[in-house]
Structure formats: C-alpha cells, structure tokens
Amino acid sequence: MADATTPVKKKDWSATQYLKFGNERTRAVYDLVGQIVPLLPSSSLSSKDPLRIYDLGCGPGNSTKVLSDFFPSARITGMDSSPDMLHRATSSLTSEKSKQIDFVPGDLATFTVAPTTDLIFSNAVFHWLRSPTRLPTLVRLFESLKPGAVLAIQVPDNYHEPSHSLMRDTATLPSSPWSQYFANTRIGDVQDASRPDLDPIEQTSAFYNALAPHAASVNLWRTKYEHVVKDAGAIVEWVKGTGLQPYLNRIDEKDDKARKAFLEEYERRLKGAYPELVDGKVLLGYPRLFVVAVKK
C-alpha cells in the first residue's frame, strides 16, 4: 500500500469510460458549432478553399466528427494529451477522412496552431488548466489567429454542483479508508496546484475582458443541461470518465478496499443530493460556459 507521500502517477484517460455518455457529452458540441457556422465565410466551405480547423482536447474524436460533418471539406487537426483518446480517435477515421483529418499529441498550455487557421475549437478542456494559466493560454492562442478567424470553446462550469462538491467532501472525510491518499494535498485550496479538484471557472466578464481587446466580437453564454440518467450510480460512472479520475488516481490501485469505500460513500452522498424522479431516474444538472470570439 502506498503511503501518503507517494507521488501520484499520471494515468491515462479512458476513451471507453468517457464514451459511456458520449451522446450527452456531444450535445454541447452541436450547440457550439451552431453558433460558429454564420461566422465563417461560405466560400471556405468548398473543397477549393477549405477551412483550417484545430480541435483542441479532441478526446476520442466525437467533437472532431461533428466538425467534419458540418465542414466536410475542412482540413482538421485534433489534439489531445491522452494516448488512449488519440488511439480511439484515429481508429474511428475512415480511409477517406484520414486524408483530411489527423490527430496529434500535445499539451494545451504550449500548443500552437498554424497561421492559416480559420477556427480553434475546444470542447471541455480549458477547465483542466489551473486559473493562472487558463486565460493567458486562451489569449495566446487567440492572438495567434489571423483577422476574421474564430475561437470557440466550451467548458463545464460545475465546481459548485453536488456532483463535484461531494467529491471534495468525500475525499476530506477524516479517518476513512482513503484518507491517507489525500493527506498531502489541500482539497479546495486554489493555492495547491497538486490537489485533485479543478479550479472554479472564472466569471464571464473575465473571459470577455481577456479577449475583447483582440476581438471584433465576443459572444458568451451559459447553459445548464439536465441529463436524465439511470440513478446515482450512473452519475458516478459519468464523472469517473472526467472529474472523478484525479481523485481515484491518488488511491493506490491495489488498495481495493479504499477505492471501493470511497466510491460507495460518494454514491451514497449523491443519492441524497439527486432525488429520484417518478420512474426512479435522476436529473444530473450540468452547467457549461460557452465563448465564441472573432479576431479583429
């Protein structure tokens, strides 16, 4: 069993776990793309003048596929840091689409795009950056775009939702089988960059103020999706593919007792926060922030 000071090993994401709720996760992609189409020149939709698109944090390629469906002649590069996600994305390509789409490994904080880029698209990745680097990274990428190019991102904004606040509450319960694995991190303290919980998303005004000096227009909105899922256990399965993974990564994978107890306690608390509907299902509220900016 690892002791409390054992460094947390970085583990890969699971495309299979992520895609258990692929349809629900992709809804926001369609909503974001719908706001982009009117901003791009219609001439660039033809094969003679194809768009150059980057899909940052492409995951298993679900967002890349939507972009390709809307912009069939576009040259698209999907970037992600996860080998498993990239493997799934690449394996989903047809031989024809592989001529227009490629997937590459990369780090969002340092990644750069070609000067000919027409669209930087990003679905649910910027929230993984800590606050000190989130907006500067967004501005750096936006500044690199040519006039008229578009930056479009979406991030979950669920720091205060029970699905995520209960992760923090569960992890910090004293004298629990899992307590030792969180003893050397300050959950909820934004000064501790090693903690498993993500930083809260900034106010919309912060995004506007960061981008507006370089933009011809900035459009921002929030949507709270209400996903109908089977039960509290389904919420656990949902977040195991995203926000819960950094918590689970801290628990020794050989310590089945601690891992099982942590998940059971987390699910028990979720049951109290998400009341059953008439048919026994529950509603998972999922707020998301959208930002679309056009470079001036």
C-alpha atoms as a PDB file:
ATOM      1  CA  MET A   1       0.000   0.000   0.000  1.00  0.00           C
ATOM      2  CA  ALA A   2       1.375   3.421  -0.918  1.00  0.00           C
ATOM      3  CA  ASP A   3       1.960   5.896   1.886  1.00  0.00           C
ATOM      4  CA  ALA A   4       0.561   9.406   1.914  1.00  0.00           C
ATOM      5  CA  THR A   5       3.705  10.969   0.483  1.00  0.00           C
ATOM      6  CA  THR A   6       3.957   8.714  -2.535  1.00  0.00           C
ATOM      7  CA  PRO A   7       3.897  10.865  -5.719  1.00  0.00           C
ATOM      8  CA  VAL A   8       0.724  10.487  -7.728  1.00  0.00           C
ATOM      9  CA  LYS A   9       1.461   8.829 -11.044  1.00  0.00           C
ATOM     10  CA  LYS A  10      -0.151  10.373 -14.086  1.00  0.00           C
ATOM     11  CA  LYS A  11      -2.564   7.860 -15.566  1.00  0.00           C
ATOM     12  CA  ASP A  12      -4.109   7.884 -18.983  1.00  0.00           C
ATOM     13  CA  TRP A  13      -7.733   8.718 -19.601  1.00  0.00           C
ATOM     14  CA  SER A  14     -10.151   6.018 -20.720  1.00  0.00           C
ATOM     15  CA  ALA A  15     -11.933   6.635 -24.005  1.00  0.00           C
ATOM     16  CA  THR A  16     -14.280   3.741 -23.223  1.00  0.00           C
ATOM     17  CA  GLN A  17     -15.315   5.274 -19.887  1.00  0.00           C
ATOM     18  CA  TYR A  18     -15.725   8.711 -21.457  1.00  0.00           C
ATOM     19  CA  LEU A  19     -17.935   7.428 -24.259  1.00  0.00           C
ATOM     20  CA  LYS A  20     -20.378   5.715 -21.887  1.00  0.00           C
ATOM     21  CA  PHE A  21     -22.175   9.059 -22.044  1.00  0.00           C
ATOM     22  CA  GLY A  22     -20.977  10.090 -25.493  1.00  0.00           C
ATOM     23  CA  ASN A  23     -24.346  11.367 -26.723  1.00  0.00           C
ATOM     24  CA  GLU A  24     -24.826  13.585 -23.685  1.00  0.00           C
ATOM     25  CA  ARG A  25     -21.281  14.916 -23.844  1.00  0.00           C
ATOM     26  CA  THR A  26     -21.624  15.751 -27.533  1.00  0.00           C
ATOM     27  CA  ARG A  27     -24.780  17.848 -27.164  1.00  0.00           C
ATOM     28  CA  ALA A  28     -22.708  20.884 -26.216  1.00  0.00           C
ATOM     29  CA  VAL A  29     -20.552  20.372 -29.319  1.00  0.00           C
ATOM     30  CA  TYR A  30     -23.591  20.778 -31.570  1.00  0.00           C
ATOM     31  CA  ASP A  31     -24.727  23.852 -29.640  1.00  0.00           C
ATOM     32  CA  LEU A  32     -21.309  25.457 -30.011  1.00  0.00           C
ATOM     33  CA  VAL A  33     -20.877  24.608 -33.696  1.00  0.00           C
ATOM     34  CA  GLY A  34     -24.302  26.066 -34.427  1.00  0.00           C
ATOM     35  CA  GLN A  35     -23.005  29.490 -33.379  1.00  0.00           C
ATOM     36  CA  ILE A  36     -19.858  29.176 -35.481  1.00  0.00           C
ATOM     37  CA  VAL A  37     -21.272  28.465 -38.937  1.00  0.00           C
ATOM     38  CA  PRO A  38     -22.565  32.025 -39.579  1.00  0.00           C
ATOM     39  CA  LEU A  39     -19.169  33.472 -38.641  1.00  0.00           C
ATOM     40  CA  LEU A  40     -17.127  31.603 -41.240  1.00  0.00           C
ATOM     41  CA  PRO A  41     -17.033  32.622 -44.907  1.00  0.00           C
ATOM     42  CA  SER A  42     -19.335  30.473 -47.036  1.00  0.00           C
ATOM     43  CA  SER A  43     -16.662  30.301 -49.740  1.00  0.00           C
ATOM     44  CA  SER A  44     -14.406  28.373 -47.382  1.00  0.00           C
ATOM     45  CA  LEU A  45     -16.928  25.538 -47.154  1.00  0.00           C
ATOM     46  CA  SER A  46     -15.971  24.366 -50.629  1.00  0.00           C
ATOM     47  CA  SER A  47     -13.146  21.971 -51.421  1.00  0.00           C
ATOM     48  CA  LYS A  48     -11.422  24.726 -53.411  1.00  0.00           C
ATOM     49  CA  ASP A  49     -10.936  26.880 -50.345  1.00  0.00           C
ATOM     50  CA  PRO A  50     -11.130  24.537 -47.338  1.00  0.00           C
ATOM     51  CA  LEU A  51     -11.179  25.707 -43.766  1.00  0.00           C
ATOM     52  CA  ARG A  52      -8.209  25.030 -41.478  1.00  0.00           C
ATOM     53  CA  ILE A  53      -9.536  23.845 -38.117  1.00  0.00           C
ATOM     54  CA  TYR A  54      -7.935  22.726 -34.858  1.00  0.00           C
ATOM     55  CA  ASP A  55      -9.912  20.706 -32.337  1.00  0.00           C
ATOM     56  CA  LEU A  56      -8.030  21.143 -29.060  1.00  0.00           C
ATOM     57  CA  GLY A  57      -8.732  18.459 -26.475  1.00  0.00           C
ATOM     58  CA  CYS A  58     -10.393  16.329 -29.124  1.00  0.00           C
ATOM     59  CA  GLY A  59     -10.760  13.312 -26.820  1.00  0.00           C
ATOM     60  CA  PRO A  60     -11.959  10.200 -28.661  1.00  0.00           C
ATOM     61  CA  GLY A  61     -12.832  12.253 -31.739  1.00  0.00           C
ATOM     62  CA  ASN A  62     -16.551  12.812 -31.131  1.00  0.00           C
ATOM     63  CA  SER A  63     -16.198  16.587 -31.446  1.00  0.00           C
ATOM     64  CA  THR A  64     -13.914  16.220 -34.475  1.00  0.00           C
ATOM     65  CA  LYS A  65     -16.559  14.144 -36.229  1.00  0.00           C
ATOM     66  CA  VAL A  66     -19.184  16.847 -35.660  1.00  0.00           C
ATOM     67  CA  LEU A  67     -16.827  19.475 -37.080  1.00  0.00           C
ATOM     68  CA  SER A  68     -16.157  17.280 -40.097  1.00  0.00           C
ATOM     69  CA  ASP A  69     -19.894  16.736 -40.641  1.00  0.00           C
ATOM     70  CA  PHE A  70     -20.553  20.480 -40.611  1.00  0.00           C
ATOM     71  CA  PHE A  71     -17.433  21.371 -42.606  1.00  0.00           C
ATOM     72  CA  PRO A  72     -16.875  18.320 -44.847  1.00  0.00           C
ATOM     73  CA  SER A  73     -14.049  19.808 -46.897  1.00  0.00           C
ATOM     74  CA  ALA A  74     -12.110  21.235 -43.937  1.00  0.00           C
ATOM     75  CA  ARG A  75      -8.580  20.268 -43.003  1.00  0.00           C
ATOM     76  CA  ILE A  76      -8.850  19.348 -39.316  1.00  0.00           C
ATOM     77  CA  THR A  77      -6.217  18.545 -36.709  1.00  0.00           C
ATOM     78  CA  GLY A  78      -7.374  17.055 -33.424  1.00  0.00           C
ATOM     79  CA  MET A  79      -5.025  17.433 -30.466  1.00  0.00           C
ATOM     80  CA  ASP A  80      -5.135  15.653 -27.121  1.00  0.00           C
ATOM     81  CA  SER A  81      -2.709  14.676 -24.373  1.00  0.00           C
ATOM     82  CA  SER A  82      -4.174  11.184 -23.879  1.00  0.00           C
ATOM     83  CA  PRO A  83      -2.731   8.268 -25.881  1.00  0.00           C
ATOM     84  CA  ASP A  84      -5.910   6.225 -25.340  1.00  0.00           C
ATOM     85  CA  MET A  85      -8.142   9.048 -26.553  1.00  0.00           C
ATOM     86  CA  LEU A  86      -5.944   9.611 -29.604  1.00  0.00           C
ATOM     87  CA  HIS A  87      -5.911   5.890 -30.381  1.00  0.00           C
ATOM     88  CA  ARG A  88      -9.715   5.772 -30.289  1.00  0.00           C
ATOM     89  CA  ALA A  89      -9.996   8.938 -32.391  1.00  0.00           C
ATOM     90  CA  THR A  90      -7.558   7.691 -35.020  1.00  0.00           C
ATOM     91  CA  SER A  91      -9.134   4.239 -35.233  1.00  0.00           C
ATOM     92  CA  SER A  92     -12.524   5.839 -35.915  1.00  0.00           C
ATOM     93  CA  LEU A  93     -11.318   7.511 -39.099  1.00  0.00           C
ATOM     94  CA  THR A  94     -12.302   6.136 -42.475  1.00  0.00           C
ATOM     95  CA  SER A  95      -9.596   5.959 -45.131  1.00  0.00           C
ATOM     96  CA  GLU A  96     -11.241   8.845 -46.948  1.00  0.00           C
ATOM     97  CA  LYS A  97     -11.443  11.081 -43.877  1.00  0.00           C
ATOM     98  CA  SER A  98      -7.849  10.291 -42.909  1.00  0.00           C
ATOM     99  CA  LYS A  99      -6.805  12.442 -45.891  1.00  0.00           C
ATOM    100  CA  GLN A 100      -8.396  15.492 -44.255  1.00  0.00           C
ATOM    101  CA  ILE A 101      -8.169  14.746 -40.543  1.00  0.00           C
ATOM    102  CA  ASP A 102      -5.185  13.940 -38.369  1.00  0.00           C
ATOM    103  CA  PHE A 103      -4.746  13.529 -34.632  1.00  0.00           C
ATOM    104  CA  VAL A 104      -1.632  14.633 -32.765  1.00  0.00           C
ATOM    105  CA  PRO A 105      -0.439  14.556 -29.146  1.00  0.00           C
ATOM    106  CA  GLY A 106       0.001  17.883 -27.449  1.00  0.00           C
ATOM    107  CA  ASP A 107      -0.121  19.998 -24.305  1.00  0.00           C
ATOM    108  CA  LEU A 108      -2.786  22.701 -24.370  1.00  0.00           C
ATOM    109  CA  ALA A 109      -0.623  25.080 -22.340  1.00  0.00           C
ATOM    110  CA  THR A 110       2.107  25.152 -25.014  1.00  0.00           C
ATOM    111  CA  PHE A 111       0.356  24.055 -28.219  1.00  0.00           C
ATOM    112  CA  THR A 112       0.477  26.359 -31.240  1.00  0.00           C
ATOM    113  CA  VAL A 113      -1.652  26.455 -34.383  1.00  0.00           C
ATOM    114  CA  ALA A 114      -0.782  27.275 -37.988  1.00  0.00           C
ATOM    115  CA  PRO A 115      -1.019  30.945 -39.045  1.00  0.00           C
ATOM    116  CA  THR A 116      -3.599  29.946 -41.679  1.00  0.00           C
ATOM    117  CA  THR A 117      -6.030  28.685 -39.026  1.00  0.00           C
ATOM    118  CA  ASP A 118      -9.677  29.655 -39.502  1.00  0.00           C
ATOM    119  CA  LEU A 119     -11.112  28.065 -36.378  1.00  0.00           C
ATOM    120  CA  ILE A 120      -9.803  26.969 -32.999  1.00  0.00           C
ATOM    121  CA  PHE A 121     -12.436  24.750 -31.431  1.00  0.00           C
ATOM    122  CA  SER A 122     -12.279  23.287 -27.961  1.00  0.00           C
ATOM    123  CA  ASN A 123     -14.879  21.205 -26.178  1.00  0.00           C
ATOM    124  CA  ALA A 124     -14.393  20.637 -22.438  1.00  0.00           C
ATOM    125  CA  VAL A 125     -10.642  21.000 -21.999  1.00  0.00           C
ATOM    126  CA  PHE A 126      -9.775  24.516 -20.792  1.00  0.00           C
ATOM    127  CA  HIS A 127     -11.262  23.782 -17.363  1.00  0.00           C
ATOM    128  CA  TRP A 128      -8.371  21.343 -16.799  1.00  0.00           C
ATOM    129  CA  LEU A 129      -5.921  24.252 -16.731  1.00  0.00           C
ATOM    130  CA  ARG A 130      -5.317  25.978 -13.420  1.00  0.00           C
ATOM    131  CA  SER A 131      -6.569  29.560 -13.152  1.00  0.00           C
ATOM    132  CA  PRO A 132      -3.151  31.236 -13.501  1.00  0.00           C
ATOM    133  CA  THR A 133      -2.661  29.680 -16.945  1.00  0.00           C
ATOM    134  CA  ARG A 134      -6.241  29.303 -18.249  1.00  0.00           C
ATOM    135  CA  LEU A 135      -6.971  32.794 -19.586  1.00  0.00           C
ATOM    136  CA  PRO A 136      -3.360  33.516 -20.633  1.00  0.00           C
ATOM    137  CA  THR A 137      -3.372  30.310 -22.718  1.00  0.00           C
ATOM    138  CA  LEU A 138      -6.690  31.267 -24.279  1.00  0.00           C
ATOM    139  CA  VAL A 139      -5.427  34.763 -25.119  1.00  0.00           C
ATOM    140  CA  ARG A 140      -2.142  33.432 -26.520  1.00  0.00           C
ATOM    141  CA  LEU A 141      -3.991  31.159 -28.926  1.00  0.00           C
ATOM    142  CA  PHE A 142      -6.480  33.871 -29.881  1.00  0.00           C
ATOM    143  CA  GLU A 143      -3.746  36.422 -30.548  1.00  0.00           C
ATOM    144  CA  SER A 144      -2.061  33.973 -32.939  1.00  0.00           C
ATOM    145  CA  LEU A 145      -5.110  33.872 -35.219  1.00  0.00           C
ATOM    146  CA  LYS A 146      -5.458  35.852 -38.429  1.00  0.00           C
ATOM    147  CA  PRO A 147      -8.162  38.560 -38.716  1.00  0.00           C
ATOM    148  CA  GLY A 148     -11.624  37.065 -39.098  1.00  0.00           C
ATOM    149  CA  ALA A 149     -10.654  33.699 -37.596  1.00  0.00           C
ATOM    150  CA  VAL A 150     -12.807  32.257 -34.823  1.00  0.00           C
ATOM    151  CA  LEU A 151     -12.086  30.902 -31.363  1.00  0.00           C
ATOM    152  CA  ALA A 152     -14.885  28.765 -29.919  1.00  0.00           C
ATOM    153  CA  ILE A 153     -14.678  26.954 -26.586  1.00  0.00           C
ATOM    154  CA  GLN A 154     -16.977  25.255 -24.101  1.00  0.00           C
ATOM    155  CA  VAL A 155     -16.097  24.311 -20.539  1.00  0.00           C
ATOM    156  CA  PRO A 156     -18.053  22.576 -17.775  1.00  0.00           C
ATOM    157  CA  ASP A 157     -18.859  25.067 -15.038  1.00  0.00           C
ATOM    158  CA  ASN A 158     -19.864  22.651 -12.308  1.00  0.00           C
ATOM    159  CA  TYR A 159     -17.468  23.366  -9.445  1.00  0.00           C
ATOM    160  CA  HIS A 160     -20.373  24.126  -7.108  1.00  0.00           C
ATOM    161  CA  GLU A 161     -22.687  21.368  -8.366  1.00  0.00           C
ATOM    162  CA  PRO A 162     -23.266  18.437  -5.958  1.00  0.00           C
ATOM    163  CA  SER A 163     -21.612  16.059  -8.434  1.00  0.00           C
ATOM    164  CA  HIS A 164     -18.336  17.888  -7.833  1.00  0.00           C
ATOM    165  CA  SER A 165     -18.653  19.438  -4.378  1.00  0.00           C
ATOM    166  CA  LEU A 166     -19.389  15.967  -2.997  1.00  0.00           C
ATOM    167  CA  MET A 167     -16.126  14.692  -4.455  1.00  0.00           C
ATOM    168  CA  ARG A 168     -14.332  17.218  -2.262  1.00  0.00           C
ATOM    169  CA  ASP A 169     -16.484  16.467   0.754  1.00  0.00           C
ATOM    170  CA  THR A 170     -15.979  12.714   0.424  1.00  0.00           C
ATOM    171  CA  ALA A 171     -12.220  12.918  -0.097  1.00  0.00           C
ATOM    172  CA  THR A 172     -11.746  15.070   3.018  1.00  0.00           C
ATOM    173  CA  LEU A 173     -13.749  12.871   5.398  1.00  0.00           C
ATOM    174  CA  PRO A 174     -11.459  12.115   8.376  1.00  0.00           C
ATOM    175  CA  SER A 175     -10.447   8.633   9.488  1.00  0.00           C
ATOM    176  CA  SER A 176     -11.652   6.987   6.288  1.00  0.00           C
ATOM    177  CA  PRO A 177     -10.025   4.076   4.437  1.00  0.00           C
ATOM    178  CA  TRP A 178      -8.919   6.535   1.743  1.00  0.00           C
ATOM    179  CA  SER A 179      -7.839   9.430   3.998  1.00  0.00           C
ATOM    180  CA  GLN A 180      -4.111   8.707   3.753  1.00  0.00           C
ATOM    181  CA  TYR A 181      -4.167   9.250  -0.001  1.00  0.00           C
ATOM    182  CA  PHE A 182      -5.398  12.834   0.372  1.00  0.00           C
ATOM    183  CA  ALA A 183      -3.352  13.765   3.443  1.00  0.00           C
ATOM    184  CA  ASN A 184      -0.667  15.582   1.450  1.00  0.00           C
ATOM    185  CA  THR A 185      -2.994  17.771  -0.609  1.00  0.00           C
ATOM    186  CA  ARG A 186      -5.264  20.684   0.335  1.00  0.00           C
ATOM    187  CA  ILE A 187      -8.522  19.964  -1.448  1.00  0.00           C
ATOM    188  CA  GLY A 188     -10.452  23.162  -2.125  1.00  0.00           C
ATOM    189  CA  ASP A 189      -7.377  25.391  -1.688  1.00  0.00           C
ATOM    190  CA  VAL A 190      -6.609  27.065  -5.019  1.00  0.00           C
ATOM    191  CA  GLN A 191      -3.035  27.660  -3.869  1.00  0.00           C
ATOM    192  CA  ASP A 192      -2.380  23.896  -4.014  1.00  0.00           C
ATOM    193  CA  ALA A 193      -1.839  23.029  -7.681  1.00  0.00           C
ATOM    194  CA  SER A 194      -1.395  19.326  -6.876  1.00  0.00           C
ATOM    195  CA  ARG A 195      -4.896  18.857  -5.497  1.00  0.00           C
ATOM    196  CA  PRO A 196      -7.323  16.617  -7.447  1.00  0.00           C
ATOM    197  CA  ASP A 197     -10.149  19.164  -7.673  1.00  0.00           C
ATOM    198  CA  LEU A 198     -10.124  21.633 -10.543  1.00  0.00           C
ATOM    199  CA  ASP A 199     -10.133  25.411 -10.214  1.00  0.00           C
ATOM    200  CA  PRO A 200     -13.514  27.141 -10.421  1.00  0.00           C
ATOM    201  CA  ILE A 201     -14.280  28.703 -13.791  1.00  0.00           C
ATOM    202  CA  GLU A 202     -13.785  32.468 -13.926  1.00  0.00           C
ATOM    203  CA  GLN A 203     -16.686  34.890 -14.299  1.00  0.00           C
ATOM    204  CA  THR A 204     -17.872  35.549 -17.858  1.00  0.00           C
ATOM    205  CA  SER A 205     -16.617  39.121 -17.516  1.00  0.00           C
ATOM    206  CA  ALA A 206     -13.068  37.792 -17.055  1.00  0.00           C
ATOM    207  CA  PHE A 207     -13.275  35.908 -20.348  1.00  0.00           C
ATOM    208  CA  TYR A 208     -14.708  38.958 -22.085  1.00  0.00           C
ATOM    209  CA  ASN A 209     -12.088  41.337 -20.694  1.00  0.00           C
ATOM    210  CA  ALA A 210      -9.279  38.974 -21.699  1.00  0.00           C
ATOM    211  CA  LEU A 211     -10.439  38.511 -25.302  1.00  0.00           C
ATOM    212  CA  ALA A 212     -12.186  41.784 -26.183  1.00  0.00           C
ATOM    213  CA  PRO A 213      -9.017  43.838 -26.802  1.00  0.00           C
ATOM    214  CA  HIS A 214      -8.141  41.460 -29.653  1.00  0.00           C
ATOM    215  CA  ALA A 215     -11.672  40.737 -30.888  1.00  0.00           C
ATOM    216  CA  ALA A 216     -14.146  42.072 -33.401  1.00  0.00           C
ATOM    217  CA  SER A 217     -16.851  40.370 -31.331  1.00  0.00           C
ATOM    218  CA  VAL A 218     -17.175  38.195 -28.235  1.00  0.00           C
ATOM    219  CA  ASN A 219     -20.249  36.093 -27.531  1.00  0.00           C
ATOM    220  CA  LEU A 220     -20.672  34.354 -24.174  1.00  0.00           C
ATOM    221  CA  TRP A 221     -23.468  32.284 -22.660  1.00  0.00           C
ATOM    222  CA  ARG A 222     -24.149  29.632 -20.081  1.00  0.00           C
ATOM    223  CA  THR A 223     -26.388  26.596 -20.458  1.00  0.00           C
ATOM    224  CA  LYS A 224     -27.376  24.199 -17.703  1.00  0.00           C
ATOM    225  CA  TYR A 225     -28.148  20.824 -19.235  1.00  0.00           C
ATOM    226  CA  GLU A 226     -30.476  18.496 -17.362  1.00  0.00           C
ATOM    227  CA  HIS A 227     -29.388  14.977 -18.249  1.00  0.00           C
ATOM    228  CA  VAL A 228     -31.723  12.126 -17.353  1.00  0.00           C
ATOM    229  CA  VAL A 229     -29.598   9.244 -16.066  1.00  0.00           C
ATOM    230  CA  LYS A 230     -30.470   5.903 -14.526  1.00  0.00           C
ATOM    231  CA  ASP A 231     -29.544   6.620 -10.907  1.00  0.00           C
ATOM    232  CA  ALA A 232     -26.814   7.984  -8.625  1.00  0.00           C
ATOM    233  CA  GLY A 233     -24.564   5.129  -9.731  1.00  0.00           C
ATOM    234  CA  ALA A 234     -24.803   6.428 -13.289  1.00  0.00           C
ATOM    235  CA  ILE A 235     -23.555   9.818 -12.096  1.00  0.00           C
ATOM    236  CA  VAL A 236     -20.551   8.044 -10.588  1.00  0.00           C
ATOM    237  CA  GLU A 237     -19.900   6.338 -13.927  1.00  0.00           C
ATOM    238  CA  TRP A 238     -20.219   9.684 -15.730  1.00  0.00           C
ATOM    239  CA  VAL A 239     -17.676  11.510 -13.601  1.00  0.00           C
ATOM    240  CA  LYS A 240     -15.300   8.529 -13.440  1.00  0.00           C
ATOM    241  CA  GLY A 241     -14.541   9.431 -17.062  1.00  0.00           C
ATOM    242  CA  THR A 242     -13.683  13.043 -16.165  1.00  0.00           C
ATOM    243  CA  GLY A 243     -13.628  14.956 -12.873  1.00  0.00           C
ATOM    244  CA  LEU A 244     -13.506  11.993 -10.505  1.00  0.00           C
ATOM    245  CA  GLN A 245     -10.468  10.415 -12.131  1.00  0.00           C
ATOM    246  CA  PRO A 246      -7.855  12.655 -10.440  1.00  0.00           C
ATOM    247  CA  TYR A 247      -9.282  11.570  -7.078  1.00  0.00           C
ATOM    248  CA  LEU A 248      -9.190   7.890  -7.980  1.00  0.00           C
ATOM    249  CA  ASN A 249      -5.655   8.294  -9.328  1.00  0.00           C
ATOM    250  CA  ARG A 250      -4.487   9.241  -5.841  1.00  0.00           C
ATOM    251  CA  ILE A 251      -5.744   5.992  -4.337  1.00  0.00           C
ATOM    252  CA  ASP A 252      -3.399   3.042  -4.794  1.00  0.00           C
ATOM    253  CA  GLU A 253      -4.969   0.896  -7.495  1.00  0.00           C
ATOM    254  CA  LYS A 254      -4.054  -2.190  -5.421  1.00  0.00           C
ATOM    255  CA  ASP A 255      -5.972  -0.868  -2.430  1.00  0.00           C
ATOM    256  CA  ASP A 256      -9.355  -2.192  -3.494  1.00  0.00           C
ATOM    257  CA  LYS A 257     -10.839  -1.629  -0.040  1.00  0.00           C
ATOM    258  CA  ALA A 258     -10.101   2.096  -0.016  1.00  0.00           C
ATOM    259  CA  ARG A 259     -11.185   2.622  -3.616  1.00  0.00           C
ATOM    260  CA  LYS A 260     -14.437   0.704  -3.118  1.00  0.00           C
ATOM    261  CA  ALA A 261     -15.223   2.514   0.131  1.00  0.00           C
ATOM    262  CA  PHE A 262     -14.555   5.909  -1.449  1.00  0.00           C
ATOM    263  CA  LEU A 263     -16.869   5.222  -4.381  1.00  0.00           C
ATOM    264  CA  GLU A 264     -19.603   3.828  -2.143  1.00  0.00           C
ATOM    265  CA  GLU A 265     -19.527   6.852   0.160  1.00  0.00           C
ATOM    266  CA  TYR A 266     -19.515   9.253  -2.773  1.00  0.00           C
ATOM    267  CA  GLU A 267     -22.502   7.470  -4.334  1.00  0.00           C
ATOM    268  CA  ARG A 268     -24.339   7.445  -1.002  1.00  0.00           C
ATOM    269  CA  ARG A 269     -23.981  11.207  -0.782  1.00  0.00           C
ATOM    270  CA  LEU A 270     -25.097  11.642  -4.387  1.00  0.00           C
ATOM    271  CA  LYS A 271     -28.317   9.781  -3.587  1.00  0.00           C
ATOM    272  CA  GLY A 272     -29.132  12.460  -1.037  1.00  0.00           C
ATOM    273  CA  ALA A 273     -28.398  15.280  -3.458  1.00  0.00           C
ATOM    274  CA  TYR A 274     -30.192  13.933  -6.540  1.00  0.00           C
ATOM    275  CA  PRO A 275     -33.752  12.857  -5.640  1.00  0.00           C
ATOM    276  CA  GLU A 276     -35.370  10.148  -7.715  1.00  0.00           C
ATOM    277  CA  LEU A 277     -37.895  11.050 -10.395  1.00  0.00           C
ATOM    278  CA  VAL A 278     -41.238   9.326 -10.799  1.00  0.00           C
ATOM    279  CA  ASP A 279     -39.596   6.446 -12.691  1.00  0.00           C
ATOM    280  CA  GLY A 280     -36.594   6.102 -10.390  1.00  0.00           C
ATOM    281  CA  LYS A 281     -34.197   8.003 -12.646  1.00  0.00           C
ATOM    282  CA  VAL A 282     -32.403  11.214 -11.634  1.00  0.00           C
ATOM    283  CA  LEU A 283     -31.583  14.535 -13.266  1.00  0.00           C
ATOM    284  CA  LEU A 284     -27.907  15.422 -13.484  1.00  0.00           C
ATOM    285  CA  GLY A 285     -27.644  19.198 -13.776  1.00  0.00           C
ATOM    286  CA  TYR A 286     -24.588  20.110 -15.832  1.00  0.00           C
ATOM    287  CA  PRO A 287     -23.764  23.826 -16.366  1.00  0.00           C
ATOM    288  CA  ARG A 288     -21.470  24.749 -19.232  1.00  0.00           C
ATOM    289  CA  LEU A 289     -19.906  28.050 -20.293  1.00  0.00           C
ATOM    290  CA  PHE A 290     -19.569  28.905 -23.994  1.00  0.00           C
ATOM    291  CA  VAL A 291     -17.275  31.516 -25.537  1.00  0.00           C
ATOM    292  CA  VAL A 292     -17.113  32.465 -29.218  1.00  0.00           C
ATOM    293  CA  ALA A 293     -14.777  35.255 -30.336  1.00  0.00           C
ATOM    294  CA  VAL A 294     -13.845  36.613 -33.772  1.00  0.00           C
ATOM    295  CA  LYS A 295     -10.336  38.017 -34.215  1.00  0.00           C
ATOM    296  CA  LYS A 296     -10.180  41.632 -35.365  1.00  0.00           C
END
